[in-house]
Amino acid sequence: MLAVVKIAGQQFKVQKDQTLYVPRVAGNAGDKLEFAEVLLTDADGKLSVGKDVKATIKAEILGQVQGDKVIAFKMKRRKGFRKKHGHRTHYTKIKINEIA
């Protein structure tokens, strides 16, 4: 069974026992999450879309992590202007336990 769920404004295609990185969700490792905004489910070829979907996704937080460093470098030639800025995006690693 697979589902498309909306988490923190983004859509993810999920299956049972899958781990994925989503934009930061408040909580600590071991906390349980439940997502009710399910957009689509597919159970053995039976497709449910939109308001017909009556499912919830139960997940567990595995940890809070940071993504790779992204460097933004600006330069204007022959002017001596150089600016370097970097950041690391925060993610939450979750494991999908059940699609109910």
PDB file of N, CA and C in Angstrom:
ATOM      1  N   MET A   1       0.849  -1.176   0.000  1.00  0.00           N
ATOM      2  CA  MET A   1       0.000   0.000   0.000  1.00  0.00           C
ATOM      3  C   MET A   1       0.890   1.233   0.000  1.00  0.00           C
ATOM      4  N   LEU A   2       0.520   2.205  -0.807  1.00  0.00           N
ATOM      5  CA  LEU A   2       1.252   3.460  -0.817  1.00  0.00           C
ATOM      6  C   LEU A   2       0.273   4.617  -0.696  1.00  0.00           C
ATOM      7  N   ALA A   3       0.801   5.763  -0.299  1.00  0.00           N
ATOM      8  CA  ALA A   3      -0.030   6.946  -0.104  1.00  0.00           C
ATOM      9  C   ALA A   3       0.775   8.190  -0.457  1.00  0.00           C
ATOM     10  N   VAL A   4       0.056   9.228  -0.818  1.00  0.00           N
ATOM     11  CA  VAL A   4       0.655  10.544  -1.008  1.00  0.00           C
ATOM     12  C   VAL A   4       0.114  11.419   0.122  1.00  0.00           C
ATOM     13  N   VAL A   5       1.028  11.959   0.921  1.00  0.00           N
ATOM     14  CA  VAL A   5       0.646  12.724   2.103  1.00  0.00           C
ATOM     15  C   VAL A   5       1.308  14.099   2.057  1.00  0.00           C
ATOM     16  N   LYS A   6       0.628  15.073   2.628  1.00  0.00           N
ATOM     17  CA  LYS A   6       1.156  16.435   2.675  1.00  0.00           C
ATOM     18  C   LYS A   6       1.753  16.670   4.062  1.00  0.00           C
ATOM     19  N   ILE A   7       3.071  16.928   4.093  1.00  0.00           N
ATOM     20  CA  ILE A   7       3.792  17.156   5.340  1.00  0.00           C
ATOM     21  C   ILE A   7       4.522  18.485   5.222  1.00  0.00           C
ATOM     22  N   ALA A   8       4.210  19.420   6.093  1.00  0.00           N
ATOM     23  CA  ALA A   8       4.867  20.734   6.147  1.00  0.00           C
ATOM     24  C   ALA A   8       4.825  21.440   4.800  1.00  0.00           C
ATOM     25  N   GLY A   9       3.691  21.341   4.096  1.00  0.00           N
ATOM     26  CA  GLY A   9       3.510  22.052   2.837  1.00  0.00           C
ATOM     27  C   GLY A   9       4.082  21.354   1.622  1.00  0.00           C
ATOM     28  N   GLN A  10       4.675  20.171   1.782  1.00  0.00           N
ATOM     29  CA  GLN A  10       5.228  19.429   0.658  1.00  0.00           C
ATOM     30  C   GLN A  10       4.562  18.058   0.581  1.00  0.00           C
ATOM     31  N   GLN A  11       4.475  17.521  -0.634  1.00  0.00           N
ATOM     32  CA  GLN A  11       3.852  16.223  -0.839  1.00  0.00           C
ATOM     33  C   GLN A  11       4.922  15.136  -0.920  1.00  0.00           C
ATOM     34  N   PHE A  12       4.660  14.014  -0.244  1.00  0.00           N
ATOM     35  CA  PHE A  12       5.579  12.889  -0.226  1.00  0.00           C
ATOM     36  C   PHE A  12       4.822  11.612  -0.537  1.00  0.00           C
ATOM     37  N   LYS A  13       5.442  10.752  -1.355  1.00  0.00           N
ATOM     38  CA  LYS A  13       4.899   9.424  -1.645  1.00  0.00           C
ATOM     39  C   LYS A  13       5.516   8.477  -0.629  1.00  0.00           C
ATOM     40  N   VAL A  14       4.688   7.830   0.204  1.00  0.00           N
ATOM     41  CA  VAL A  14       5.199   7.024   1.306  1.00  0.00           C
ATOM     42  C   VAL A  14       4.644   5.600   1.254  1.00  0.00           C
ATOM     43  N   GLN A  15       5.416   4.682   1.842  1.00  0.00           N
ATOM     44  CA  GLN A  15       5.024   3.297   2.028  1.00  0.00           C
ATOM     45  C   GLN A  15       5.379   2.892   3.453  1.00  0.00           C
ATOM     46  N   LYS A  16       4.816   1.781   3.894  1.00  0.00           N
ATOM     47  CA  LYS A  16       5.101   1.286   5.240  1.00  0.00           C
ATOM     48  C   LYS A  16       6.585   0.956   5.380  1.00  0.00           C
ATOM     49  N   ASP A  17       7.160   1.247   6.549  1.00  0.00           N
ATOM     50  CA  ASP A  17       8.565   0.999   6.900  1.00  0.00           C
ATOM     51  C   ASP A  17       9.557   1.808   6.079  1.00  0.00           C
ATOM     52  N   GLN A  18       9.127   2.901   5.475  1.00  0.00           N
ATOM     53  CA  GLN A  18      10.008   3.771   4.703  1.00  0.00           C
ATOM     54  C   GLN A  18      10.543   4.872   5.615  1.00  0.00           C
ATOM     55  N   THR A  19      11.811   5.247   5.429  1.00  0.00           N
ATOM     56  CA  THR A  19      12.358   6.399   6.146  1.00  0.00           C
ATOM     57  C   THR A  19      12.553   7.526   5.148  1.00  0.00           C
ATOM     58  N   LEU A  20      12.258   8.744   5.591  1.00  0.00           N
ATOM     59  CA  LEU A  20      12.432   9.888   4.712  1.00  0.00           C
ATOM     60  C   LEU A  20      12.753  11.132   5.518  1.00  0.00           C
ATOM     61  N   TYR A  21      13.307  12.099   4.808  1.00  0.00           N
ATOM     62  CA  TYR A  21      13.668  13.386   5.401  1.00  0.00           C
ATOM     63  C   TYR A  21      12.632  14.412   4.987  1.00  0.00           C
ATOM     64  N   VAL A  22      12.015  15.052   5.980  1.00  0.00           N
ATOM     65  CA  VAL A  22      10.985  16.063   5.720  1.00  0.00           C
ATOM     66  C   VAL A  22      11.447  17.378   6.338  1.00  0.00           C
ATOM     67  N   PRO A  23      10.885  18.514   5.881  1.00  0.00           N
ATOM     68  CA  PRO A  23      11.236  19.781   6.528  1.00  0.00           C
ATOM     69  C   PRO A  23      10.953  19.707   8.028  1.00  0.00           C
ATOM     70  N   ARG A  24      11.703  20.447   8.790  1.00  0.00           N
ATOM     71  CA  ARG A  24      11.692  20.328  10.256  1.00  0.00           C
ATOM     72  C   ARG A  24      10.286  20.278  10.855  1.00  0.00           C
ATOM     73  N   VAL A  25      10.069  19.255  11.678  1.00  0.00           N
ATOM     74  CA  VAL A  25       8.829  19.068  12.436  1.00  0.00           C
ATOM     75  C   VAL A  25       9.225  19.067  13.907  1.00  0.00           C
ATOM     76  N   ALA A  26       8.500  19.797  14.731  1.00  0.00           N
ATOM     77  CA  ALA A  26       8.841  19.886  16.149  1.00  0.00           C
ATOM     78  C   ALA A  26       8.697  18.528  16.822  1.00  0.00           C
ATOM     79  N   GLY A  27       9.657  18.185  17.662  1.00  0.00           N
ATOM     80  CA  GLY A  27       9.615  16.930  18.405  1.00  0.00           C
ATOM     81  C   GLY A  27      11.007  16.370  18.608  1.00  0.00           C
ATOM     82  N   ASN A  28      11.082  15.366  19.469  1.00  0.00           N
ATOM     83  CA  ASN A  28      12.351  14.704  19.773  1.00  0.00           C
ATOM     84  C   ASN A  28      12.342  13.293  19.211  1.00  0.00           C
ATOM     85  N   ALA A  29      13.502  12.667  19.189  1.00  0.00           N
ATOM     86  CA  ALA A  29      13.619  11.296  18.705  1.00  0.00           C
ATOM     87  C   ALA A  29      12.734  10.386  19.555  1.00  0.00           C
ATOM     88  N   GLY A  30      11.965   9.533  18.886  1.00  0.00           N
ATOM     89  CA  GLY A  30      11.067   8.613  19.574  1.00  0.00           C
ATOM     90  C   GLY A  30       9.634   9.095  19.656  1.00  0.00           C
ATOM     91  N   ASP A  31       9.391  10.376  19.394  1.00  0.00           N
ATOM     92  CA  ASP A  31       8.020  10.900  19.420  1.00  0.00           C
ATOM     93  C   ASP A  31       7.209  10.335  18.266  1.00  0.00           C
ATOM     94  N   LYS A  32       5.922  10.147  18.501  1.00  0.00           N
ATOM     95  CA  LYS A  32       5.015   9.635  17.479  1.00  0.00           C
ATOM     96  C   LYS A  32       4.318  10.804  16.781  1.00  0.00           C
ATOM     97  N   LEU A  33       4.143  10.677  15.465  1.00  0.00           N
ATOM     98  CA  LEU A  33       3.451  11.689  14.664  1.00  0.00           C
ATOM     99  C   LEU A  33       2.272  11.039  13.953  1.00  0.00           C
ATOM    100  N   GLU A  34       1.276  11.855  13.632  1.00  0.00           N
ATOM    101  CA  GLU A  34       0.145  11.375  12.855  1.00  0.00           C
ATOM    102  C   GLU A  34      -0.209  12.449  11.832  1.00  0.00           C
ATOM    103  N   PHE A  35      -0.259  12.050  10.566  1.00  0.00           N
ATOM    104  CA  PHE A  35      -0.582  12.973   9.480  1.00  0.00           C
ATOM    105  C   PHE A  35      -1.955  12.600   8.927  1.00  0.00           C
ATOM    106  N   ALA A  36      -2.876  13.558   8.972  1.00  0.00           N
ATOM    107  CA  ALA A  36      -4.243  13.293   8.527  1.00  0.00           C
ATOM    108  C   ALA A  36      -4.504  13.805   7.118  1.00  0.00           C
ATOM    109  N   GLU A  37      -3.616  14.643   6.598  1.00  0.00           N
ATOM    110  CA  GLU A  37      -3.831  15.228   5.268  1.00  0.00           C
ATOM    111  C   GLU A  37      -3.279  14.302   4.179  1.00  0.00           C
ATOM    112  N   VAL A  38      -4.022  13.217   3.931  1.00  0.00           N
ATOM    113  CA  VAL A  38      -3.644  12.226   2.924  1.00  0.00           C
ATOM    114  C   VAL A  38      -4.376  12.561   1.634  1.00  0.00           C
ATOM    115  N   LEU A  39      -3.644  12.676   0.540  1.00  0.00           N
ATOM    116  CA  LEU A  39      -4.218  13.105  -0.735  1.00  0.00           C
ATOM    117  C   LEU A  39      -4.609  11.937  -1.630  1.00  0.00           C
ATOM    118  N   LEU A  40      -3.906  10.796  -1.495  1.00  0.00           N
ATOM    119  CA  LEU A  40      -4.146   9.659  -2.376  1.00  0.00           C
ATOM    120  C   LEU A  40      -3.703   8.383  -1.672  1.00  0.00           C
ATOM    121  N   THR A  41      -4.467   7.299  -1.864  1.00  0.00           N
ATOM    122  CA  THR A  41      -4.041   5.984  -1.385  1.00  0.00           C
ATOM    123  C   THR A  41      -4.236   4.972  -2.498  1.00  0.00           C
ATOM    124  N   ASP A  42      -3.361   3.969  -2.499  1.00  0.00           N
ATOM    125  CA  ASP A  42      -3.441   2.878  -3.466  1.00  0.00           C
ATOM    126  C   ASP A  42      -3.265   1.576  -2.713  1.00  0.00           C
ATOM    127  N   ALA A  43      -4.350   0.812  -2.578  1.00  0.00           N
ATOM    128  CA  ALA A  43      -4.315  -0.463  -1.869  1.00  0.00           C
ATOM    129  C   ALA A  43      -4.628  -1.579  -2.857  1.00  0.00           C
ATOM    130  N   ASP A  44      -3.579  -2.258  -3.324  1.00  0.00           N
ATOM    131  CA  ASP A  44      -3.725  -3.388  -4.253  1.00  0.00           C
ATOM    132  C   ASP A  44      -4.537  -3.019  -5.490  1.00  0.00           C
ATOM    133  N   GLY A  45      -4.230  -1.876  -6.089  1.00  0.00           N
ATOM    134  CA  GLY A  45      -4.903  -1.453  -7.315  1.00  0.00           C
ATOM    135  C   GLY A  45      -6.168  -0.639  -7.089  1.00  0.00           C
ATOM    136  N   LYS A  46      -6.655  -0.566  -5.858  1.00  0.00           N
ATOM    137  CA  LYS A  46      -7.840   0.240  -5.548  1.00  0.00           C
ATOM    138  C   LYS A  46      -7.374   1.647  -5.179  1.00  0.00           C
ATOM    139  N   LEU A  47      -7.674   2.597  -6.031  1.00  0.00           N
ATOM    140  CA  LEU A  47      -7.186   3.959  -5.899  1.00  0.00           C
ATOM    141  C   LEU A  47      -8.250   4.846  -5.270  1.00  0.00           C
ATOM    142  N   SER A  48      -7.873   5.614  -4.251  1.00  0.00           N
ATOM    143  CA  SER A  48      -8.756   6.594  -3.623  1.00  0.00           C
ATOM    144  C   SER A  48      -8.083   7.955  -3.710  1.00  0.00           C
ATOM    145  N   VAL A  49      -8.835   8.951  -4.193  1.00  0.00           N
ATOM    146  CA  VAL A  49      -8.269  10.284  -4.405  1.00  0.00           C
ATOM    147  C   VAL A  49      -9.199  11.323  -3.801  1.00  0.00           C
ATOM    148  N   GLY A  50      -8.608  12.376  -3.237  1.00  0.00           N
ATOM    149  CA  GLY A  50      -9.379  13.526  -2.776  1.00  0.00           C
ATOM    150  C   GLY A  50     -10.195  13.246  -1.532  1.00  0.00           C
ATOM    151  N   LYS A  51     -11.472  13.580  -1.574  1.00  0.00           N
ATOM    152  CA  LYS A  51     -12.337  13.449  -0.399  1.00  0.00           C
ATOM    153  C   LYS A  51     -12.710  12.005  -0.096  1.00  0.00           C
ATOM    154  N   ASP A  52     -12.456  11.090  -1.029  1.00  0.00           N
ATOM    155  CA  ASP A  52     -12.739   9.676  -0.792  1.00  0.00           C
ATOM    156  C   ASP A  52     -11.716   9.031   0.143  1.00  0.00           C
ATOM    157  N   VAL A  53     -10.606   9.676   0.361  1.00  0.00           N
ATOM    158  CA  VAL A  53      -9.538   9.095   1.175  1.00  0.00           C
ATOM    159  C   VAL A  53      -9.897   9.211   2.646  1.00  0.00           C
ATOM    160  N   LYS A  54      -9.916   8.071   3.321  1.00  0.00           N
ATOM    161  CA  LYS A  54     -10.188   8.032   4.761  1.00  0.00           C
ATOM    162  C   LYS A  54      -9.015   7.326   5.436  1.00  0.00           C
ATOM    163  N   ALA A  55      -7.844   7.953   5.392  1.00  0.00           N
ATOM    164  CA  ALA A  55      -6.641   7.318   5.932  1.00  0.00           C
ATOM    165  C   ALA A  55      -5.838   8.305   6.760  1.00  0.00           C
ATOM    166  N   THR A  56      -5.028   7.758   7.651  1.00  0.00           N
ATOM    167  CA  THR A  56      -4.064   8.546   8.411  1.00  0.00           C
ATOM    168  C   THR A  56      -2.720   7.838   8.346  1.00  0.00           C
ATOM    169  N   ILE A  57      -1.666   8.601   8.426  1.00  0.00           N
ATOM    170  CA  ILE A  57      -0.308   8.075   8.389  1.00  0.00           C
ATOM    171  C   ILE A  57       0.275   8.210   9.788  1.00  0.00           C
ATOM    172  N   LYS A  58       0.768   7.106  10.338  1.00  0.00           N
ATOM    173  CA  LYS A  58       1.403   7.126  11.651  1.00  0.00           C
ATOM    174  C   LYS A  58       2.901   6.941  11.454  1.00  0.00           C
ATOM    175  N   ALA A  59       3.667   7.854  12.068  1.00  0.00           N
ATOM    176  CA  ALA A  59       5.113   7.856  11.874  1.00  0.00           C
ATOM    177  C   ALA A  59       5.812   8.087  13.206  1.00  0.00           C
ATOM    178  N   GLU A  60       7.124   7.871  13.195  1.00  0.00           N
ATOM    179  CA  GLU A  60       7.949   8.063  14.381  1.00  0.00           C
ATOM    180  C   GLU A  60       9.170   8.894  13.993  1.00  0.00           C
ATOM    181  N   ILE A  61       9.533   9.843  14.849  1.00  0.00           N
ATOM    182  CA  ILE A  61      10.710  10.675  14.597  1.00  0.00           C
ATOM    183  C   ILE A  61      11.956   9.888  14.980  1.00  0.00           C
ATOM    184  N   LEU A  62      12.895   9.800  14.040  1.00  0.00           N
ATOM    185  CA  LEU A  62      14.167   9.124  14.300  1.00  0.00           C
ATOM    186  C   LEU A  62      15.249  10.099  14.731  1.00  0.00           C
ATOM    187  N   GLY A  63      15.115  11.380  14.348  1.00  0.00           N
ATOM    188  CA  GLY A  63      16.100  12.373  14.759  1.00  0.00           C
ATOM    189  C   GLY A  63      15.981  13.660  13.969  1.00  0.00           C
ATOM    190  N   GLN A  64      16.639  14.695  14.479  1.00  0.00           N
ATOM    191  CA  GLN A  64      16.703  15.987  13.813  1.00  0.00           C
ATOM    192  C   GLN A  64      18.089  16.087  13.173  1.00  0.00           C
ATOM    193  N   VAL A  65      18.140  16.362  11.877  1.00  0.00           N
ATOM    194  CA  VAL A  65      19.414  16.400  11.159  1.00  0.00           C
ATOM    195  C   VAL A  65      19.506  17.677  10.331  1.00  0.00           C
ATOM    196  N   GLN A  66      20.708  17.936   9.812  1.00  0.00           N
ATOM    197  CA  GLN A  66      20.928  19.068   8.919  1.00  0.00           C
ATOM    198  C   GLN A  66      21.343  18.551   7.559  1.00  0.00           C
ATOM    199  N   GLY A  67      20.945  19.275   6.516  1.00  0.00           N
ATOM    200  CA  GLY A  67      21.313  18.912   5.158  1.00  0.00           C
ATOM    201  C   GLY A  67      22.736  19.344   4.843  1.00  0.00           C
ATOM    202  N   ASP A  68      23.146  19.138   3.605  1.00  0.00           N
ATOM    203  CA  ASP A  68      24.474  19.546   3.165  1.00  0.00           C
ATOM    204  C   ASP A  68      24.579  21.069   3.130  1.00  0.00           C
ATOM    205  N   LYS A  69      25.786  21.565   3.273  1.00  0.00           N
ATOM    206  CA  LYS A  69      26.013  23.007   3.259  1.00  0.00           C
ATOM    207  C   LYS A  69      25.827  23.547   1.842  1.00  0.00           C
ATOM    208  N   VAL A  70      25.081  24.632   1.737  1.00  0.00           N
ATOM    209  CA  VAL A  70      24.829  25.301   0.464  1.00  0.00           C
ATOM    210  C   VAL A  70      25.565  26.636   0.513  1.00  0.00           C
ATOM    211  N   ILE A  71      26.412  26.872  -0.480  1.00  0.00           N
ATOM    212  CA  ILE A  71      27.213  28.104  -0.538  1.00  0.00           C
ATOM    213  C   ILE A  71      26.622  29.034  -1.590  1.00  0.00           C
ATOM    214  N   ALA A  72      26.400  30.283  -1.199  1.00  0.00           N
ATOM    215  CA  ALA A  72      25.977  31.324  -2.139  1.00  0.00           C
ATOM    216  C   ALA A  72      27.136  32.309  -2.252  1.00  0.00           C
ATOM    217  N   PHE A  73      27.749  32.378  -3.404  1.00  0.00           N
ATOM    218  CA  PHE A  73      28.917  33.233  -3.615  1.00  0.00           C
ATOM    219  C   PHE A  73      28.575  34.282  -4.655  1.00  0.00           C
ATOM    220  N   LYS A  74      28.745  35.564  -4.292  1.00  0.00           N
ATOM    221  CA  LYS A  74      28.479  36.670  -5.208  1.00  0.00           C
ATOM    222  C   LYS A  74      29.779  37.410  -5.461  1.00  0.00           C
ATOM    223  N   MET A  75      29.963  37.821  -6.710  1.00  0.00           N
ATOM    224  CA  MET A  75      31.187  38.532  -7.069  1.00  0.00           C
ATOM    225  C   MET A  75      30.901  39.462  -8.237  1.00  0.00           C
ATOM    226  N   LYS A  76      31.459  40.644  -8.170  1.00  0.00           N
ATOM    227  CA  LYS A  76      31.394  41.564  -9.303  1.00  0.00           C
ATOM    228  C   LYS A  76      32.819  41.739  -9.821  1.00  0.00           C
ATOM    229  N   ARG A  77      33.005  41.386 -11.057  1.00  0.00           N
ATOM    230  CA  ARG A  77      34.357  41.425 -11.598  1.00  0.00           C
ATOM    231  C   ARG A  77      34.881  42.855 -11.711  1.00  0.00           C
ATOM    232  N   ARG A  78      36.175  42.963 -11.530  1.00  0.00           N
ATOM    233  CA  ARG A  78      36.931  44.221 -11.616  1.00  0.00           C
ATOM    234  C   ARG A  78      36.514  45.256 -10.567  1.00  0.00           C
ATOM    235  N   LYS A  79      35.724  44.900  -9.584  1.00  0.00           N
ATOM    236  CA  LYS A  79      35.286  45.851  -8.565  1.00  0.00           C
ATOM    237  C   LYS A  79      35.826  45.504  -7.179  1.00  0.00           C
ATOM    238  N   GLY A  80      36.321  44.297  -7.012  1.00  0.00           N
ATOM    239  CA  GLY A  80      36.805  43.875  -5.703  1.00  0.00           C
ATOM    240  C   GLY A  80      35.693  43.442  -4.762  1.00  0.00           C
ATOM    241  N   PHE A  81      34.487  43.244  -5.284  1.00  0.00           N
ATOM    242  CA  PHE A  81      33.346  42.846  -4.449  1.00  0.00           C
ATOM    243  C   PHE A  81      33.213  41.322  -4.432  1.00  0.00           C
ATOM    244  N   ARG A  82      33.308  40.753  -3.242  1.00  0.00           N
ATOM    245  CA  ARG A  82      33.109  39.317  -3.065  1.00  0.00           C
ATOM    246  C   ARG A  82      32.306  39.105  -1.793  1.00  0.00           C
ATOM    247  N   LYS A  83      31.323  38.237  -1.863  1.00  0.00           N
ATOM    248  CA  LYS A  83      30.495  37.951  -0.702  1.00  0.00           C
ATOM    249  C   LYS A  83      30.199  36.458  -0.688  1.00  0.00           C
ATOM    250  N   LYS A  84      30.475  35.816   0.424  1.00  0.00           N
ATOM    251  CA  LYS A  84      30.257  34.380   0.550  1.00  0.00           C
ATOM    252  C   LYS A  84      29.325  34.132   1.727  1.00  0.00           C
ATOM    253  N   HIS A  85      28.278  33.383   1.466  1.00  0.00           N
ATOM    254  CA  HIS A  85      27.260  33.106   2.476  1.00  0.00           C
ATOM    255  C   HIS A  85      26.884  31.642   2.371  1.00  0.00           C
ATOM    256  N   GLY A  86      26.740  30.950   3.492  1.00  0.00           N
ATOM    257  CA  GLY A  86      26.368  29.545   3.461  1.00  0.00           C
ATOM    258  C   GLY A  86      25.329  29.228   4.524  1.00  0.00           C
ATOM    259  N   HIS A  87      24.593  28.145   4.305  1.00  0.00           N
ATOM    260  CA  HIS A  87      23.613  27.703   5.294  1.00  0.00           C
ATOM    261  C   HIS A  87      23.374  26.209   5.149  1.00  0.00           C
ATOM    262  N   ARG A  88      22.836  25.603   6.203  1.00  0.00           N
ATOM    263  CA  ARG A  88      22.456  24.195   6.195  1.00  0.00           C
ATOM    264  C   ARG A  88      20.995  24.108   6.596  1.00  0.00           C
ATOM    265  N   THR A  89      20.179  23.481   5.758  1.00  0.00           N
ATOM    266  CA  THR A  89      18.751  23.358   6.014  1.00  0.00           C
ATOM    267  C   THR A  89      18.497  22.272   7.069  1.00  0.00           C
ATOM    268  N   HIS A  90      17.537  22.517   7.953  1.00  0.00           N
ATOM    269  CA  HIS A  90      17.181  21.570   9.011  1.00  0.00           C
ATOM    270  C   HIS A  90      16.101  20.610   8.501  1.00  0.00           C
ATOM    271  N   TYR A  91      16.305  19.326   8.758  1.00  0.00           N
ATOM    272  CA  TYR A  91      15.353  18.292   8.368  1.00  0.00           C
ATOM    273  C   TYR A  91      15.025  17.408   9.568  1.00  0.00           C
ATOM    274  N   THR A  92      13.909  16.711   9.473  1.00  0.00           N
ATOM    275  CA  THR A  92      13.527  15.705  10.455  1.00  0.00           C
ATOM    276  C   THR A  92      13.495  14.357   9.747  1.00  0.00           C
ATOM    277  N   LYS A  93      14.195  13.385  10.307  1.00  0.00           N
ATOM    278  CA  LYS A  93      14.189  12.036   9.748  1.00  0.00           C
ATOM    279  C   LYS A  93      13.067  11.259  10.415  1.00  0.00           C
ATOM    280  N   ILE A  94      12.116  10.755   9.603  1.00  0.00           N
ATOM    281  CA  ILE A  94      10.983  10.018  10.152  1.00  0.00           C
ATOM    282  C   ILE A  94      10.883   8.649   9.515  1.00  0.00           C
ATOM    283  N   LYS A  95      10.225   7.737  10.232  1.00  0.00           N
ATOM    284  CA  LYS A  95       9.951   6.395   9.721  1.00  0.00           C
ATOM    285  C   LYS A  95       8.444   6.206   9.708  1.00  0.00           C
ATOM    286  N   ILE A  96       7.909   5.760   8.568  1.00  0.00           N
ATOM    287  CA  ILE A  96       6.479   5.511   8.439  1.00  0.00           C
ATOM    288  C   ILE A  96       6.180   4.144   9.055  1.00  0.00           C
ATOM    289  N   ASN A  97       5.353   4.129  10.116  1.00  0.00           N
ATOM    290  CA  ASN A  97       5.020   2.879  10.796  1.00  0.00           C
ATOM    291  C   ASN A  97       3.764   2.226  10.252  1.00  0.00           C
ATOM    292  N   GLU A  98       2.772   3.038   9.892  1.00  0.00           N
ATOM    293  CA  GLU A  98       1.478   2.460   9.507  1.00  0.00           C
ATOM    294  C   GLU A  98       0.711   3.428   8.624  1.00  0.00           C
ATOM    295  N   ILE A  99       0.015   2.850   7.648  1.00  0.00           N
ATOM    296  CA  ILE A  99      -0.955   3.610   6.846  1.00  0.00           C
ATOM    297  C   ILE A  99      -2.310   3.019   7.177  1.00  0.00           C
ATOM    298  N   ALA A 100      -3.080   3.732   7.996  1.00  0.00           N
ATOM    299  CA  ALA A 100      -4.352   3.191   8.491  1.00  0.00           C
ATOM    300  C   ALA A 100      -5.530   3.859   7.817  1.00  0.00           C
TER     301      ALA A 100
END
